[in-house]
Amino acid sequence: MSLQTSTLAFLGGGNMASAIISGLLRKSVPGSNIHVSEPWEVNRNKIASLGVQTTTSNVTAASSASIVIIAVKPQVAKAVCEELSAAWSSRETLPVVVSIAAGITVQSLQSWLSKGNNGRVPGVVRVMPNTPALVTEGASGAFAAKEVSEQERKLVEELLGSVSRVTEWVEKEELLDVVTGVSGSGPAYFFAMVEHLVASATALGLTKEQATRLAAQTCLGAGKMLVESDDEPAQLRKNVTSPNGTTFAALQTFEKLGFADTVDQAVKAATDRAAELGESLGK
């Protein structure tokens, strides 16, 4: 089975689902093989314009799918899963389920999906994508339940590859909380950094437009160096830091004000919050 010959169902047609669908179409997955359930007419019409099949019914969208992507808000994931579970009781084989619903554990998903399904447990892959997926520059973390076959893992990785440059598989599900703290929430850290760079540069005389272009391109260029270089981040930092130069002065200020500790605490706060949300949403 290949992604191009698979039947896919997206339950929820928000921004992330739309980005993945667009990526799949670019990979030559036929629009006739992609079914999307979306309750809101405006979103549904927008998705239909891509050339895929749309409906308001989760059960209809997922009826013959071999891969089902749960892309609804976490608060409604339980109801959606239980609806599918009842409908799948007559299916001979169960699809692999990919969840991008933030915070919902594999155990919760499998419990809900097997409730009205004669106790049969589907293979579930839980994914933590990030918003750069909207411009096909995403980074995703993924965890697969033991029921997921190697072939299914490869299909899911190809699916995520339509919008993500990087997919990292973790062996322990709780590590997805750390992924959330690094890459899931990470884009906002860079946006905040650029926001403050722009404010500082504007106060010192540049226009906001000039400062934004310079800071954004610097962020993009530094990221590309990190991806393409064999050097560690620390070495790349040292490479641009001359003794007693301008970069040295800035980094010394960061250090004096506790930059490293601030980053540590921020990542830990996001990781802890992800774990808390997972606990509350799984009930």
Protein backbone atom coordinates (compact mmCIF):
# COMPACT_ATOMS: atom_id res chain seq x y z
CA MET A 1 0.00 0.00 0.00
CA SER A 2 1.24 3.48 -0.85
CA LEU A 3 0.00 6.90 0.19
CA GLN A 4 -1.11 7.55 -3.40
CA THR A 5 -3.39 4.49 -3.37
CA SER A 6 -4.67 4.92 0.19
CA THR A 7 -8.07 6.34 1.07
CA LEU A 8 -7.70 9.08 3.67
CA ALA A 9 -10.28 10.69 5.93
CA PHE A 10 -9.74 13.99 7.72
CA LEU A 11 -12.11 14.62 10.59
CA GLY A 12 -11.94 18.38 10.91
CA GLY A 13 -10.94 20.80 8.20
CA GLY A 14 -9.07 23.53 10.03
CA ASN A 15 -5.78 25.16 9.07
CA MET A 16 -3.52 22.20 9.89
CA ALA A 17 -5.76 19.70 8.09
CA SER A 18 -5.96 22.02 5.07
CA ALA A 19 -2.17 22.36 5.00
CA ILE A 20 -1.68 18.58 5.08
CA ILE A 21 -4.33 18.06 2.39
CA SER A 22 -2.63 20.62 0.13
CA GLY A 23 0.69 18.86 0.74
CA LEU A 24 -0.82 15.48 -0.16
CA LEU A 25 -2.26 16.84 -3.39
CA ARG A 26 1.21 18.15 -4.28
CA LYS A 27 2.48 14.60 -3.71
CA SER A 28 -0.01 13.36 -6.33
CA VAL A 29 -2.49 11.80 -3.92
CA PRO A 30 -5.77 11.93 -5.91
CA GLY A 31 -8.38 14.31 -4.53
CA SER A 32 -10.96 11.55 -4.99
CA ASN A 33 -9.08 9.53 -2.32
CA ILE A 34 -9.29 12.29 0.30
CA HIS A 35 -12.51 12.66 2.30
CA VAL A 36 -13.00 15.51 4.76
CA SER A 37 -15.74 16.01 7.34
CA GLU A 38 -16.20 19.61 8.40
CA PRO A 39 -19.31 21.04 10.10
CA TRP A 40 -18.73 24.68 9.13
CA GLU A 41 -19.92 25.52 5.62
CA VAL A 42 -17.30 28.21 4.99
CA ASN A 43 -14.44 25.83 5.86
CA ARG A 44 -16.09 22.99 3.95
CA ASN A 45 -16.43 25.06 0.77
CA LYS A 46 -12.83 26.21 1.06
CA ILE A 47 -11.61 22.62 1.35
CA ALA A 48 -13.90 21.42 -1.45
CA SER A 49 -12.25 23.99 -3.73
CA LEU A 50 -9.04 21.96 -3.42
CA GLY A 51 -10.75 19.12 -5.29
CA VAL A 52 -11.36 16.69 -2.43
CA GLN A 53 -14.55 15.04 -1.16
CA THR A 54 -16.36 16.82 1.67
CA THR A 55 -19.21 15.98 4.03
CA THR A 56 -20.62 17.03 7.37
CA SER A 57 -20.54 13.42 8.64
CA ASN A 58 -17.49 11.94 10.37
CA VAL A 59 -18.85 8.43 9.84
CA THR A 60 -19.36 8.98 6.10
CA ALA A 61 -15.88 10.46 5.64
CA ALA A 62 -14.19 7.59 7.49
CA SER A 63 -16.38 4.72 6.26
CA SER A 64 -13.89 3.21 3.81
CA ALA A 65 -10.69 5.02 4.81
CA SER A 66 -7.47 3.13 5.46
CA ILE A 67 -5.97 6.17 7.23
CA VAL A 68 -8.11 8.40 9.47
CA ILE A 69 -6.70 11.73 10.64
CA ILE A 70 -8.35 13.18 13.75
CA ALA A 71 -7.94 16.92 13.35
CA VAL A 72 -10.77 18.17 15.54
CA LYS A 73 -10.46 20.33 18.65
CA PRO A 74 -9.33 18.24 21.65
CA GLN A 75 -12.57 19.00 23.51
CA VAL A 76 -14.67 17.08 20.95
CA ALA A 77 -12.22 14.23 20.24
CA LYS A 78 -13.94 11.82 22.64
CA ALA A 79 -17.37 12.26 21.04
CA VAL A 80 -15.90 11.87 17.54
CA CYS A 81 -13.99 8.70 18.48
CA GLU A 82 -17.01 7.10 20.13
CA GLU A 83 -19.11 7.92 17.05
CA LEU A 84 -16.54 6.18 14.84
CA SER A 85 -16.24 3.22 17.19
CA ALA A 86 -19.92 2.37 16.89
CA ALA A 87 -19.81 2.72 13.10
CA TRP A 88 -16.71 0.53 12.76
CA SER A 89 -18.20 -2.49 14.55
CA SER A 90 -19.05 -4.04 11.17
CA ARG A 91 -15.69 -3.33 9.51
CA GLU A 92 -13.44 -6.32 8.87
CA THR A 93 -10.22 -4.36 9.24
CA LEU A 94 -9.67 -1.17 11.15
CA PRO A 95 -7.85 1.85 9.73
CA VAL A 96 -4.74 3.32 11.25
CA VAL A 97 -5.71 6.46 13.17
CA VAL A 98 -3.48 9.54 13.21
CA SER A 99 -4.32 12.14 15.84
CA ILE A 100 -3.16 15.74 15.68
CA ALA A 101 -5.61 16.68 18.45
CA ALA A 102 -3.29 18.30 21.00
CA GLY A 103 -2.85 16.60 24.35
CA ILE A 104 -5.03 13.50 23.81
CA THR A 105 -3.10 10.35 24.76
CA VAL A 106 -2.98 7.17 22.72
CA GLN A 107 -4.54 5.28 25.63
CA SER A 108 -7.54 7.65 25.68
CA LEU A 109 -7.97 7.47 21.91
CA GLN A 110 -7.80 3.68 21.83
CA SER A 111 -10.23 3.41 24.74
CA TRP A 112 -12.79 5.62 22.99
CA LEU A 113 -12.28 3.99 19.59
CA SER A 114 -12.76 0.45 20.92
CA LYS A 115 -15.79 1.23 23.11
CA GLY A 116 -18.53 0.27 20.62
CA ASN A 117 -16.27 -1.71 18.35
CA ASN A 118 -16.42 -5.14 19.99
CA GLY A 119 -13.33 -4.21 21.97
CA ARG A 120 -11.09 -4.18 18.89
CA VAL A 121 -8.24 -1.71 19.32
CA PRO A 122 -7.07 0.24 16.27
CA GLY A 123 -3.48 1.27 15.70
CA VAL A 124 -3.07 4.90 16.72
CA VAL A 125 -0.29 7.36 15.96
CA ARG A 126 -0.25 10.54 18.01
CA VAL A 127 1.42 13.50 16.34
CA MET A 128 2.58 16.88 17.62
CA PRO A 129 2.99 19.12 14.55
CA ASN A 130 3.78 22.82 14.61
CA THR A 131 2.50 25.87 12.77
CA PRO A 132 5.36 26.18 10.23
CA ALA A 133 3.63 23.17 8.63
CA LEU A 134 1.29 25.80 7.20
CA VAL A 135 4.18 26.88 4.94
CA THR A 136 5.51 23.29 4.48
CA GLU A 137 8.39 23.90 6.90
CA GLY A 138 7.02 21.96 9.85
CA ALA A 139 8.67 19.81 12.49
CA SER A 140 6.61 16.98 13.96
CA GLY A 141 7.01 14.57 16.84
CA ALA A 142 5.22 11.21 16.63
CA PHE A 143 4.48 8.23 18.86
CA ALA A 144 3.01 4.96 17.57
CA ALA A 145 0.99 2.45 19.58
CA LYS A 146 2.22 -1.15 19.44
CA GLU A 147 -0.65 -2.07 17.08
CA VAL A 148 0.81 0.14 14.33
CA SER A 149 2.76 -1.85 11.73
CA GLU A 150 6.06 -0.77 10.23
CA GLN A 151 4.34 -0.18 6.89
CA GLU A 152 1.74 2.02 8.58
CA ARG A 153 4.50 4.01 10.30
CA LYS A 154 6.10 4.64 6.91
CA LEU A 155 2.77 5.80 5.48
CA VAL A 156 2.26 8.17 8.40
CA GLU A 157 5.79 9.53 8.02
CA GLU A 158 5.13 10.14 4.32
CA LEU A 159 1.83 11.82 5.24
CA LEU A 160 3.58 14.15 7.68
CA GLY A 161 6.37 14.72 5.17
CA SER A 162 3.89 16.57 2.98
CA VAL A 163 4.18 19.54 5.38
CA SER A 164 7.06 18.71 7.74
CA ARG A 165 10.78 18.76 6.99
CA VAL A 166 11.44 16.72 10.13
CA THR A 167 9.49 13.92 11.82
CA GLU A 168 10.99 12.58 15.03
CA TRP A 169 9.58 9.32 16.45
CA VAL A 170 9.73 8.98 20.23
CA GLU A 171 9.69 5.64 22.04
CA LYS A 172 7.89 6.96 25.13
CA GLU A 173 4.67 8.88 24.67
CA GLU A 174 5.41 11.31 27.50
CA LEU A 175 8.31 12.62 25.41
CA LEU A 176 5.72 14.23 23.14
CA ASP A 177 5.23 16.71 25.97
CA VAL A 178 8.90 17.64 25.57
CA VAL A 179 8.41 17.87 21.80
CA THR A 180 5.58 20.29 22.56
CA GLY A 181 7.93 22.38 24.71
CA VAL A 182 10.60 22.50 21.99
CA SER A 183 8.98 22.50 18.54
CA GLY A 184 5.23 22.60 19.21
CA SER A 185 5.41 25.88 21.12
CA GLY A 186 8.83 26.77 19.71
CA PRO A 187 7.72 28.98 16.81
CA ALA A 188 6.27 31.43 19.33
CA TYR A 189 9.66 31.67 21.05
CA PHE A 190 11.25 32.77 17.79
CA PHE A 191 8.40 35.17 17.05
CA ALA A 192 8.87 36.71 20.50
CA MET A 193 12.62 37.03 19.90
CA VAL A 194 12.05 38.76 16.56
CA GLU A 195 9.35 40.95 18.12
CA HIS A 196 11.84 42.24 20.69
CA LEU A 197 14.68 42.58 18.18
CA VAL A 198 12.39 44.75 16.06
CA ALA A 199 11.35 46.86 19.05
CA SER A 200 14.99 47.42 20.03
CA ALA A 201 16.09 48.26 16.50
CA THR A 202 13.16 50.64 16.03
CA ALA A 203 14.04 52.44 19.25
CA LEU A 204 17.57 52.83 17.91
CA GLY A 205 16.48 54.37 14.62
CA LEU A 206 15.57 51.71 12.03
CA THR A 207 12.06 51.65 10.60
CA LYS A 208 9.82 48.82 11.75
CA GLU A 209 9.75 47.38 8.22
CA GLN A 210 13.55 47.41 7.92
CA ALA A 211 14.02 45.84 11.34
CA THR A 212 11.40 43.14 10.67
CA ARG A 213 12.94 42.15 7.33
CA LEU A 214 16.45 42.02 8.79
CA ALA A 215 15.43 40.06 11.90
CA ALA A 216 13.18 37.61 10.04
CA GLN A 217 15.83 36.83 7.42
CA THR A 218 18.47 36.45 10.13
CA CYS A 219 16.21 33.95 11.89
CA LEU A 220 15.64 32.06 8.62
CA GLY A 221 19.32 32.09 7.70
CA ALA A 222 20.47 30.93 11.13
CA GLY A 223 17.94 28.10 10.99
CA LYS A 224 19.23 27.03 7.59
CA MET A 225 22.78 26.99 8.91
CA LEU A 226 21.68 24.79 11.82
CA VAL A 227 19.98 22.36 9.43
CA GLU A 228 22.73 22.22 6.81
CA SER A 229 25.89 22.48 8.93
CA ASP A 230 27.61 19.55 10.63
CA ASP A 231 28.63 21.88 13.47
CA GLU A 232 26.85 21.87 16.82
CA PRO A 233 24.82 25.00 17.69
CA ALA A 234 27.46 25.99 20.26
CA GLN A 235 30.17 25.87 17.59
CA LEU A 236 28.11 27.96 15.17
CA ARG A 237 27.67 30.51 17.95
CA LYS A 238 31.43 30.57 18.60
CA ASN A 239 32.12 30.97 14.89
CA VAL A 240 30.38 34.36 14.83
CA THR A 241 31.61 35.57 18.23
CA SER A 242 34.87 37.49 18.06
CA PRO A 243 36.56 38.18 21.43
CA ASN A 244 35.36 41.53 22.77
CA GLY A 245 33.37 42.16 19.59
CA THR A 246 29.75 43.19 19.10
CA THR A 247 28.30 39.66 19.28
CA PHE A 248 30.38 38.97 22.39
CA ALA A 249 28.92 42.08 24.05
CA ALA A 250 25.37 40.99 23.27
CA LEU A 251 25.89 37.39 24.42
CA GLN A 252 27.53 38.57 27.63
CA THR A 253 24.41 40.62 28.32
CA PHE A 254 22.21 37.57 27.67
CA GLU A 255 24.32 35.54 30.08
CA LYS A 256 24.31 38.25 32.76
CA LEU A 257 20.50 38.45 32.61
CA GLY A 258 20.02 34.67 32.89
CA PHE A 259 19.17 33.78 29.28
CA ALA A 260 19.99 30.05 29.60
CA ASP A 261 17.95 29.66 32.77
CA THR A 262 15.02 31.52 31.21
CA VAL A 263 15.00 29.17 28.21
CA ASP A 264 15.25 26.11 30.48
CA GLN A 265 12.34 27.28 32.60
CA ALA A 266 10.23 28.21 29.57
CA VAL A 267 10.65 24.81 27.91
CA LYS A 268 9.92 23.05 31.20
CA ALA A 269 6.81 25.20 31.75
CA ALA A 270 5.47 24.31 28.30
CA THR A 271 6.31 20.62 28.82
CA ASP A 272 4.59 20.53 32.22
CA ARG A 273 1.54 22.32 30.85
CA ALA A 274 1.29 19.85 27.97
CA ALA A 275 1.26 16.98 30.47
CA GLU A 276 -1.43 18.71 32.56
CA LEU A 277 -3.64 19.31 29.53
CA GLY A 278 -3.23 15.70 28.43
CA GLU A 279 -4.43 14.50 31.82
CA SER A 280 -7.51 16.71 31.85
CA LEU A 281 -8.47 16.12 28.21
CA GLY A 282 -8.20 12.34 28.48
CA LYS A 283 -10.95 12.05 31.08
